[in-house]
Amino acid sequence: SMVAIKSIRMFLNHELDQLRLCLQGAFQVLVPRARCVIITFKMSECDIVQDFIASHHDPPRGLELTVSQTRLLELYPLVGTDLDFAVERLKDRGRRPEPTEVNANYRSKSSTVHTVVKVPRVSQRVTGEPRDVRDRFKRPEPPPFMASPLVVKDIDFHV
């Protein structure tokens, strides 16, 4: 029942929306090369941080020469904006607490620390629209059946 109460509280307080707004606001006021440390305790919060990083990440140099502008917009949404900064994750995907910390503070067991850096944007703005998600991912057609059908002739099955 505690999980249900926490879920209702998160919904009523718009906690996930507040986290999105907080990330956007923090990176608007940070100076270039400044770090932002985010501590999350729930997987949904971690997903929001991951999505923010993915949507504000600069594409690798030279990628615009190998993929179409539409695909570049789909993979790196930052190129479709006028933002003057990009976001980079420092080191790994998020740091989990050490066993000694969990022993000292059990509530830290579910925490993840994300360290993110605001960097100057390198990529150029791309105009266009990404394809609809339903058009991007389509199940491929199965290959045609190439085996010959089993020909059963002259066999008496009534033995």
C-alpha atoms as a PDB file:
ATOM      1  CA  SER A   1       0.000   0.000   0.000  1.00  0.00           C
ATOM      2  CA  MET A   2       2.957   2.334   0.526  1.00  0.00           C
ATOM      3  CA  VAL A   3       3.881   2.046  -3.150  1.00  0.00           C
ATOM      4  CA  ALA A   4       0.378   3.110  -4.153  1.00  0.00           C
ATOM      5  CA  ILE A   5       0.478   6.087  -1.793  1.00  0.00           C
ATOM      6  CA  LYS A   6       3.870   7.181  -3.130  1.00  0.00           C
ATOM      7  CA  SER A   7       2.620   6.853  -6.711  1.00  0.00           C
ATOM      8  CA  ILE A   8      -0.444   8.962  -5.943  1.00  0.00           C
ATOM      9  CA  ARG A   9       1.756  11.584  -4.238  1.00  0.00           C
ATOM     10  CA  MET A  10       4.089  11.714  -7.252  1.00  0.00           C
ATOM     11  CA  PHE A  11       1.118  12.131  -9.584  1.00  0.00           C
ATOM     12  CA  LEU A  12      -0.615  14.818  -7.511  1.00  0.00           C
ATOM     13  CA  ASN A  13       2.581  16.806  -6.967  1.00  0.00           C
ATOM     14  CA  HIS A  14       3.628  16.493 -10.631  1.00  0.00           C
ATOM     15  CA  GLU A  15       7.048  15.382  -9.419  1.00  0.00           C
ATOM     16  CA  LEU A  16       8.216  14.024 -12.771  1.00  0.00           C
ATOM     17  CA  ASP A  17       7.097  17.185 -14.584  1.00  0.00           C
ATOM     18  CA  GLN A  18       8.932  19.231 -11.954  1.00  0.00           C
ATOM     19  CA  LEU A  19      12.106  17.236 -12.602  1.00  0.00           C
ATOM     20  CA  ARG A  20      11.851  17.940 -16.361  1.00  0.00           C
ATOM     21  CA  LEU A  21      11.357  21.661 -15.721  1.00  0.00           C
ATOM     22  CA  CYS A  22      14.193  21.700 -13.192  1.00  0.00           C
ATOM     23  CA  LEU A  23      16.629  20.144 -15.690  1.00  0.00           C
ATOM     24  CA  GLN A  24      15.654  22.610 -18.410  1.00  0.00           C
ATOM     25  CA  GLY A  25      15.940  25.576 -16.055  1.00  0.00           C
ATOM     26  CA  ALA A  26      19.251  24.460 -14.567  1.00  0.00           C
ATOM     27  CA  PHE A  27      20.918  24.176 -17.956  1.00  0.00           C
ATOM     28  CA  GLN A  28      19.583  27.556 -19.051  1.00  0.00           C
ATOM     29  CA  VAL A  29      21.423  29.287 -16.191  1.00  0.00           C
ATOM     30  CA  LEU A  30      24.588  27.166 -15.986  1.00  0.00           C
ATOM     31  CA  VAL A  31      27.717  28.566 -17.615  1.00  0.00           C
ATOM     32  CA  PRO A  32      29.528  26.455 -20.235  1.00  0.00           C
ATOM     33  CA  ARG A  33      31.614  23.604 -18.787  1.00  0.00           C
ATOM     34  CA  ALA A  34      29.615  23.715 -15.537  1.00  0.00           C
ATOM     35  CA  ARG A  35      28.491  20.435 -14.019  1.00  0.00           C
ATOM     36  CA  CYS A  36      25.072  19.471 -12.783  1.00  0.00           C
ATOM     37  CA  VAL A  37      24.742  16.555 -10.361  1.00  0.00           C
ATOM     38  CA  ILE A  38      21.344  14.865 -10.244  1.00  0.00           C
ATOM     39  CA  ILE A  39      20.439  12.230  -7.673  1.00  0.00           C
ATOM     40  CA  THR A  40      17.523   9.971  -8.568  1.00  0.00           C
ATOM     41  CA  PHE A  41      15.824   7.366  -6.399  1.00  0.00           C
ATOM     42  CA  LYS A  42      13.238   5.918  -8.762  1.00  0.00           C
ATOM     43  CA  MET A  43      13.572   4.347 -12.195  1.00  0.00           C
ATOM     44  CA  SER A  44      11.062   6.822 -13.649  1.00  0.00           C
ATOM     45  CA  GLU A  45      13.246   9.712 -12.460  1.00  0.00           C
ATOM     46  CA  CYS A  46      16.317   8.029 -13.934  1.00  0.00           C
ATOM     47  CA  ASP A  47      14.485   7.644 -17.260  1.00  0.00           C
ATOM     48  CA  ILE A  48      13.690  11.368 -17.338  1.00  0.00           C
ATOM     49  CA  VAL A  49      17.360  12.244 -16.791  1.00  0.00           C
ATOM     50  CA  GLN A  50      18.387   9.761 -19.521  1.00  0.00           C
ATOM     51  CA  ASP A  51      15.831  11.254 -21.937  1.00  0.00           C
ATOM     52  CA  PHE A  52      17.023  14.785 -21.178  1.00  0.00           C
ATOM     53  CA  ILE A  53      20.623  13.830 -21.878  1.00  0.00           C
ATOM     54  CA  ALA A  54      19.665  12.021 -25.095  1.00  0.00           C
ATOM     55  CA  SER A  55      17.601  14.942 -26.382  1.00  0.00           C
ATOM     56  CA  HIS A  56      20.382  17.480 -25.652  1.00  0.00           C
ATOM     57  CA  HIS A  57      23.349  15.485 -26.917  1.00  0.00           C
ATOM     58  CA  ASP A  58      25.440  16.687 -29.876  1.00  0.00           C
ATOM     59  CA  PRO A  59      25.869  14.191 -32.726  1.00  0.00           C
ATOM     60  CA  PRO A  60      29.376  12.934 -33.477  1.00  0.00           C
ATOM     61  CA  ARG A  61      31.303  15.058 -35.960  1.00  0.00           C
ATOM     62  CA  GLY A  62      30.840  13.963 -39.563  1.00  0.00           C
ATOM     63  CA  LEU A  63      27.597  12.081 -38.931  1.00  0.00           C
ATOM     64  CA  GLU A  64      25.650  14.658 -40.961  1.00  0.00           C
ATOM     65  CA  LEU A  65      27.653  13.516 -43.991  1.00  0.00           C
ATOM     66  CA  THR A  66      26.554   9.888 -43.675  1.00  0.00           C
ATOM     67  CA  VAL A  67      22.874  10.100 -42.654  1.00  0.00           C
ATOM     68  CA  SER A  68      19.952  12.094 -43.987  1.00  0.00           C
ATOM     69  CA  GLN A  69      18.765  15.248 -42.221  1.00  0.00           C
ATOM     70  CA  THR A  70      15.539  13.501 -41.263  1.00  0.00           C
ATOM     71  CA  ARG A  71      17.419  10.637 -39.619  1.00  0.00           C
ATOM     72  CA  LEU A  72      19.767  13.081 -37.893  1.00  0.00           C
ATOM     73  CA  LEU A  73      16.741  14.849 -36.384  1.00  0.00           C
ATOM     74  CA  GLU A  74      15.343  11.525 -35.215  1.00  0.00           C
ATOM     75  CA  LEU A  75      18.583  10.408 -33.572  1.00  0.00           C
ATOM     76  CA  TYR A  76      19.683  13.784 -32.168  1.00  0.00           C
ATOM     77  CA  PRO A  77      16.731  16.118 -31.453  1.00  0.00           C
ATOM     78  CA  LEU A  78      19.147  18.880 -30.405  1.00  0.00           C
ATOM     79  CA  VAL A  79      19.999  19.630 -34.056  1.00  0.00           C
ATOM     80  CA  GLY A  80      16.419  20.775 -34.640  1.00  0.00           C
ATOM     81  CA  THR A  81      16.590  23.431 -31.906  1.00  0.00           C
ATOM     82  CA  ASP A  82      18.186  26.862 -31.520  1.00  0.00           C
ATOM     83  CA  LEU A  83      19.857  25.999 -28.205  1.00  0.00           C
ATOM     84  CA  ASP A  84      23.461  27.167 -27.928  1.00  0.00           C
ATOM     85  CA  PHE A  85      24.541  24.351 -25.604  1.00  0.00           C
ATOM     86  CA  ALA A  86      24.715  20.571 -25.539  1.00  0.00           C
ATOM     87  CA  VAL A  87      24.815  18.145 -22.645  1.00  0.00           C
ATOM     88  CA  GLU A  88      27.373  15.408 -22.032  1.00  0.00           C
ATOM     89  CA  ARG A  89      27.333  12.699 -19.415  1.00  0.00           C
ATOM     90  CA  LEU A  90      30.438  12.476 -17.284  1.00  0.00           C
ATOM     91  CA  LYS A  91      31.844   8.926 -17.186  1.00  0.00           C
ATOM     92  CA  ASP A  92      29.283   6.126 -16.889  1.00  0.00           C
ATOM     93  CA  ARG A  93      25.502   5.893 -17.077  1.00  0.00           C
ATOM     94  CA  GLY A  94      25.041   6.755 -13.440  1.00  0.00           C
ATOM     95  CA  ARG A  95      26.821   5.893 -10.269  1.00  0.00           C
ATOM     96  CA  ARG A  96      25.285   3.489  -7.791  1.00  0.00           C
ATOM     97  CA  PRO A  97      26.138   3.579  -4.050  1.00  0.00           C
ATOM     98  CA  GLU A  98      28.969   1.480  -2.654  1.00  0.00           C
ATOM     99  CA  PRO A  99      28.078  -1.376  -0.256  1.00  0.00           C
ATOM    100  CA  THR A 100      29.597   0.559   2.651  1.00  0.00           C
ATOM    101  CA  GLU A 101      27.283   3.501   1.940  1.00  0.00           C
ATOM    102  CA  VAL A 102      24.248   1.216   1.753  1.00  0.00           C
ATOM    103  CA  ASN A 103      25.218  -0.312   5.105  1.00  0.00           C
ATOM    104  CA  ALA A 104      25.469   3.158   6.653  1.00  0.00           C
ATOM    105  CA  ASN A 105      22.292   4.470   4.976  1.00  0.00           C
ATOM    106  CA  TYR A 106      19.902   1.816   3.679  1.00  0.00           C
ATOM    107  CA  ARG A 107      17.725   4.357   1.855  1.00  0.00           C
ATOM    108  CA  SER A 108      20.622   5.120  -0.487  1.00  0.00           C
ATOM    109  CA  LYS A 109      20.300   1.629  -1.993  1.00  0.00           C
ATOM    110  CA  SER A 110      17.977   2.780  -4.788  1.00  0.00           C
ATOM    111  CA  SER A 111      19.858   6.001  -5.568  1.00  0.00           C
ATOM    112  CA  THR A 112      21.759   6.831  -8.734  1.00  0.00           C
ATOM    113  CA  VAL A 113      24.047   9.828  -9.183  1.00  0.00           C
ATOM    114  CA  HIS A 114      24.197  11.380 -12.666  1.00  0.00           C
ATOM    115  CA  THR A 115      26.907  13.944 -13.409  1.00  0.00           C
ATOM    116  CA  VAL A 116      26.162  15.999 -16.512  1.00  0.00           C
ATOM    117  CA  VAL A 117      28.220  18.790 -18.111  1.00  0.00           C
ATOM    118  CA  LYS A 118      26.946  21.753 -20.119  1.00  0.00           C
ATOM    119  CA  VAL A 119      29.164  22.171 -23.183  1.00  0.00           C
ATOM    120  CA  PRO A 120      29.072  24.589 -26.119  1.00  0.00           C
ATOM    121  CA  ARG A 121      27.077  23.221 -29.011  1.00  0.00           C
ATOM    122  CA  VAL A 122      29.099  22.186 -32.051  1.00  0.00           C
ATOM    123  CA  SER A 123      26.433  20.906 -34.438  1.00  0.00           C
ATOM    124  CA  GLN A 124      24.624  23.103 -36.965  1.00  0.00           C
ATOM    125  CA  ARG A 125      20.853  23.546 -36.910  1.00  0.00           C
ATOM    126  CA  VAL A 126      19.013  21.212 -39.257  1.00  0.00           C
ATOM    127  CA  THR A 127      15.645  22.122 -40.704  1.00  0.00           C
ATOM    128  CA  GLY A 128      12.999  19.551 -41.364  1.00  0.00           C
ATOM    129  CA  GLU A 129      10.706  17.242 -39.515  1.00  0.00           C
ATOM    130  CA  PRO A 130      11.438  13.787 -38.126  1.00  0.00           C
ATOM    131  CA  ARG A 131       9.237  10.957 -39.317  1.00  0.00           C
ATOM    132  CA  ASP A 132       6.377   9.752 -37.170  1.00  0.00           C
ATOM    133  CA  VAL A 133       7.462   7.023 -34.753  1.00  0.00           C
ATOM    134  CA  ARG A 134       5.094   4.541 -36.425  1.00  0.00           C
ATOM    135  CA  ASP A 135       6.871   5.157 -39.745  1.00  0.00           C
ATOM    136  CA  ARG A 136      10.349   4.783 -38.284  1.00  0.00           C
ATOM    137  CA  PHE A 137       9.933   1.314 -36.889  1.00  0.00           C
ATOM    138  CA  LYS A 138       8.110  -1.118 -39.102  1.00  0.00           C
ATOM    139  CA  ARG A 139       8.180  -4.856 -38.869  1.00  0.00           C
ATOM    140  CA  PRO A 140      10.085  -6.197 -41.867  1.00  0.00           C
ATOM    141  CA  GLU A 141       8.278  -8.412 -44.318  1.00  0.00           C
ATOM    142  CA  PRO A 142       9.102 -12.083 -43.853  1.00  0.00           C
ATOM    143  CA  PRO A 143      11.312 -13.511 -46.581  1.00  0.00           C
ATOM    144  CA  PRO A 144       9.538 -15.614 -49.183  1.00  0.00           C
ATOM    145  CA  PHE A 145       9.332 -19.324 -48.523  1.00  0.00           C
ATOM    146  CA  MET A 146      11.934 -20.878 -50.798  1.00  0.00           C
ATOM    147  CA  ALA A 147      11.599 -24.595 -49.995  1.00  0.00           C
ATOM    148  CA  SER A 148       9.677 -26.807 -52.341  1.00  0.00           C
ATOM    149  CA  PRO A 149       6.441 -28.308 -51.084  1.00  0.00           C
ATOM    150  CA  LEU A 150       6.568 -31.941 -50.062  1.00  0.00           C
ATOM    151  CA  VAL A 151       5.273 -33.994 -52.943  1.00  0.00           C
ATOM    152  CA  VAL A 152       3.541 -37.112 -51.782  1.00  0.00           C
ATOM    153  CA  LYS A 153       2.793 -39.427 -54.695  1.00  0.00           C
ATOM    154  CA  ASP A 154       2.244 -43.057 -54.988  1.00  0.00           C
ATOM    155  CA  ILE A 155       2.341 -43.647 -51.268  1.00  0.00           C
ATOM    156  CA  ASP A 156      -0.371 -45.806 -49.745  1.00  0.00           C
ATOM    157  CA  PHE A 157      -1.140 -44.525 -46.295  1.00  0.00           C
ATOM    158  CA  HIS A 158      -3.782 -47.218 -45.691  1.00  0.00           C
ATOM    159  CA  VAL A 159      -1.551 -50.003 -44.550  1.00  0.00           C
END
